[in-house]
Amino acid sequence: MSTAMNFGAKTFTPRPPEKGAFPLDHFGECKAFKEKFMKCLRDNSFDNSMCRLQSKDYLECRMDHQLMTKEPLAKLGFRDLMDPPPNQSDRDSKP
């Protein structure tokens, strides 16, 4: 008989991935953003570097509608597309 009991064997407990999987947009809340992003990809021979602004907008929509975990945009690779912090000299020069 080859059906021995393995009491010392570790059990596998599945858990969802931290990133890479998120709920589908069943209600189409971000469909317009997705369509703009996909059109940009098609228009630019699927060069995603040309569509970073559309990608950022789409991810912001997904975060705003709880379709993915809120993350800082800088952490998602959009640091260069974020508004720069106000300059100290700009504040001092205003009345």
C-alpha atoms as a PDB file:
ATOM      1  CA  MET A   1       0.000   0.000   0.000  1.00  0.00           C
ATOM      2  CA  SER A   2       1.345   3.355  -0.964  1.00  0.00           C
ATOM      3  CA  THR A   3      -1.187   5.476   0.903  1.00  0.00           C
ATOM      4  CA  ALA A   4       0.828   6.315   3.973  1.00  0.00           C
ATOM      5  CA  MET A   5      -0.312   9.115   6.236  1.00  0.00           C
ATOM      6  CA  ASN A   6       2.048  12.077   6.246  1.00  0.00           C
ATOM      7  CA  PHE A   7       1.392  13.729   9.571  1.00  0.00           C
ATOM      8  CA  GLY A   8       4.598  15.762   9.364  1.00  0.00           C
ATOM      9  CA  ALA A   9       3.867  17.191   5.919  1.00  0.00           C
ATOM     10  CA  LYS A  10       3.233  20.930   5.736  1.00  0.00           C
ATOM     11  CA  THR A  11      -0.133  22.000   4.467  1.00  0.00           C
ATOM     12  CA  PHE A  12      -0.442  24.586   1.730  1.00  0.00           C
ATOM     13  CA  THR A  13      -2.650  27.561   2.547  1.00  0.00           C
ATOM     14  CA  PRO A  14      -3.474  29.554  -0.592  1.00  0.00           C
ATOM     15  CA  ARG A  15      -3.624  33.331  -0.365  1.00  0.00           C
ATOM     16  CA  PRO A  16      -4.285  35.989  -2.990  1.00  0.00           C
ATOM     17  CA  PRO A  17      -1.357  37.835  -4.560  1.00  0.00           C
ATOM     18  CA  GLU A  18      -0.444  41.234  -3.136  1.00  0.00           C
ATOM     19  CA  LYS A  19      -0.363  42.843  -6.579  1.00  0.00           C
ATOM     20  CA  GLY A  20      -1.293  41.870 -10.096  1.00  0.00           C
ATOM     21  CA  ALA A  21      -4.879  40.733  -9.558  1.00  0.00           C
ATOM     22  CA  PHE A  22      -7.806  43.000  -8.875  1.00  0.00           C
ATOM     23  CA  PRO A  23     -11.585  42.866  -9.317  1.00  0.00           C
ATOM     24  CA  LEU A  24     -13.136  43.318 -12.723  1.00  0.00           C
ATOM     25  CA  ASP A  25     -14.966  46.560 -13.406  1.00  0.00           C
ATOM     26  CA  HIS A  26     -18.416  44.928 -13.613  1.00  0.00           C
ATOM     27  CA  PHE A  27     -20.289  48.254 -13.577  1.00  0.00           C
ATOM     28  CA  GLY A  28     -18.043  49.941 -16.157  1.00  0.00           C
ATOM     29  CA  GLU A  29     -17.098  52.743 -13.784  1.00  0.00           C
ATOM     30  CA  CYS A  30     -13.668  53.134 -15.414  1.00  0.00           C
ATOM     31  CA  LYS A  31     -14.566  51.997 -18.919  1.00  0.00           C
ATOM     32  CA  ALA A  32     -13.986  55.419 -20.506  1.00  0.00           C
ATOM     33  CA  PHE A  33     -10.475  55.585 -19.017  1.00  0.00           C
ATOM     34  CA  LYS A  34      -9.731  52.048 -20.182  1.00  0.00           C
ATOM     35  CA  GLU A  35     -10.931  52.851 -23.702  1.00  0.00           C
ATOM     36  CA  LYS A  36      -8.735  55.983 -23.878  1.00  0.00           C
ATOM     37  CA  PHE A  37      -5.751  53.924 -22.731  1.00  0.00           C
ATOM     38  CA  MET A  38      -6.427  51.129 -25.236  1.00  0.00           C
ATOM     39  CA  LYS A  39      -6.899  53.641 -28.083  1.00  0.00           C
ATOM     40  CA  CYS A  40      -3.613  55.287 -27.167  1.00  0.00           C
ATOM     41  CA  LEU A  41      -1.884  51.893 -27.244  1.00  0.00           C
ATOM     42  CA  ARG A  42      -3.324  51.092 -30.668  1.00  0.00           C
ATOM     43  CA  ASP A  43      -2.417  54.528 -32.035  1.00  0.00           C
ATOM     44  CA  ASN A  44       1.166  54.165 -30.786  1.00  0.00           C
ATOM     45  CA  SER A  45       1.869  50.587 -31.933  1.00  0.00           C
ATOM     46  CA  PHE A  46       1.360  49.331 -28.360  1.00  0.00           C
ATOM     47  CA  ASP A  47       4.282  51.395 -27.017  1.00  0.00           C
ATOM     48  CA  ASN A  48       3.045  51.841 -23.463  1.00  0.00           C
ATOM     49  CA  SER A  49       5.599  54.566 -22.719  1.00  0.00           C
ATOM     50  CA  MET A  50       3.575  56.858 -24.993  1.00  0.00           C
ATOM     51  CA  CYS A  51       0.398  56.238 -22.926  1.00  0.00           C
ATOM     52  CA  ARG A  52       1.590  56.800 -19.386  1.00  0.00           C
ATOM     53  CA  LEU A  53      -0.831  59.665 -18.710  1.00  0.00           C
ATOM     54  CA  GLN A  54      -3.813  57.532 -19.801  1.00  0.00           C
ATOM     55  CA  SER A  55      -2.506  54.634 -17.719  1.00  0.00           C
ATOM     56  CA  LYS A  56      -2.188  56.895 -14.662  1.00  0.00           C
ATOM     57  CA  ASP A  57      -5.743  58.193 -15.146  1.00  0.00           C
ATOM     58  CA  TYR A  58      -7.087  54.641 -15.467  1.00  0.00           C
ATOM     59  CA  LEU A  59      -5.337  53.461 -12.306  1.00  0.00           C
ATOM     60  CA  GLU A  60      -6.545  56.532 -10.398  1.00  0.00           C
ATOM     61  CA  CYS A  61     -10.106  55.732 -11.456  1.00  0.00           C
ATOM     62  CA  ARG A  62      -9.726  52.128 -10.287  1.00  0.00           C
ATOM     63  CA  MET A  63      -8.380  53.297  -6.917  1.00  0.00           C
ATOM     64  CA  ASP A  64     -11.152  55.889  -6.546  1.00  0.00           C
ATOM     65  CA  HIS A  65     -13.802  53.191  -7.124  1.00  0.00           C
ATOM     66  CA  GLN A  66     -12.167  50.622  -4.800  1.00  0.00           C
ATOM     67  CA  LEU A  67     -11.311  48.329  -7.712  1.00  0.00           C
ATOM     68  CA  MET A  68      -7.727  48.167  -6.503  1.00  0.00           C
ATOM     69  CA  THR A  69      -5.820  49.104  -3.372  1.00  0.00           C
ATOM     70  CA  LYS A  70      -4.953  52.780  -3.064  1.00  0.00           C
ATOM     71  CA  GLU A  71      -1.252  53.259  -3.691  1.00  0.00           C
ATOM     72  CA  PRO A  72       0.832  56.402  -3.995  1.00  0.00           C
ATOM     73  CA  LEU A  73       1.293  57.174  -7.691  1.00  0.00           C
ATOM     74  CA  ALA A  74       5.031  57.521  -7.153  1.00  0.00           C
ATOM     75  CA  LYS A  75       5.111  53.910  -5.973  1.00  0.00           C
ATOM     76  CA  LEU A  76       3.331  52.850  -9.182  1.00  0.00           C
ATOM     77  CA  GLY A  77       5.991  54.496 -11.352  1.00  0.00           C
ATOM     78  CA  PHE A  78       4.304  57.829 -12.045  1.00  0.00           C
ATOM     79  CA  ARG A  79       6.533  60.093  -9.947  1.00  0.00           C
ATOM     80  CA  ASP A  80       7.444  62.167 -13.022  1.00  0.00           C
ATOM     81  CA  LEU A  81       3.758  62.790 -13.883  1.00  0.00           C
ATOM     82  CA  MET A  82       2.811  64.107 -10.465  1.00  0.00           C
ATOM     83  CA  ASP A  83       2.414  67.809  -9.716  1.00  0.00           C
ATOM     84  CA  PRO A  84       5.609  69.177  -8.172  1.00  0.00           C
ATOM     85  CA  PRO A  85       5.303  70.527  -4.633  1.00  0.00           C
ATOM     86  CA  PRO A  86       4.866  74.304  -4.455  1.00  0.00           C
ATOM     87  CA  ASN A  87       8.149  76.181  -4.430  1.00  0.00           C
ATOM     88  CA  GLN A  88       9.043  78.105  -1.280  1.00  0.00           C
ATOM     89  CA  SER A  89      10.022  81.123  -3.403  1.00  0.00           C
ATOM     90  CA  ASP A  90       6.606  81.093  -5.115  1.00  0.00           C
ATOM     91  CA  ARG A  91       4.883  81.394  -1.731  1.00  0.00           C
ATOM     92  CA  ASP A  92       7.159  84.210  -0.568  1.00  0.00           C
ATOM     93  CA  SER A  93       6.637  86.310  -3.702  1.00  0.00           C
ATOM     94  CA  LYS A  94       2.833  86.357  -3.442  1.00  0.00           C
ATOM     95  CA  PRO A  95       1.202  89.223  -1.479  1.00  0.00           C
END
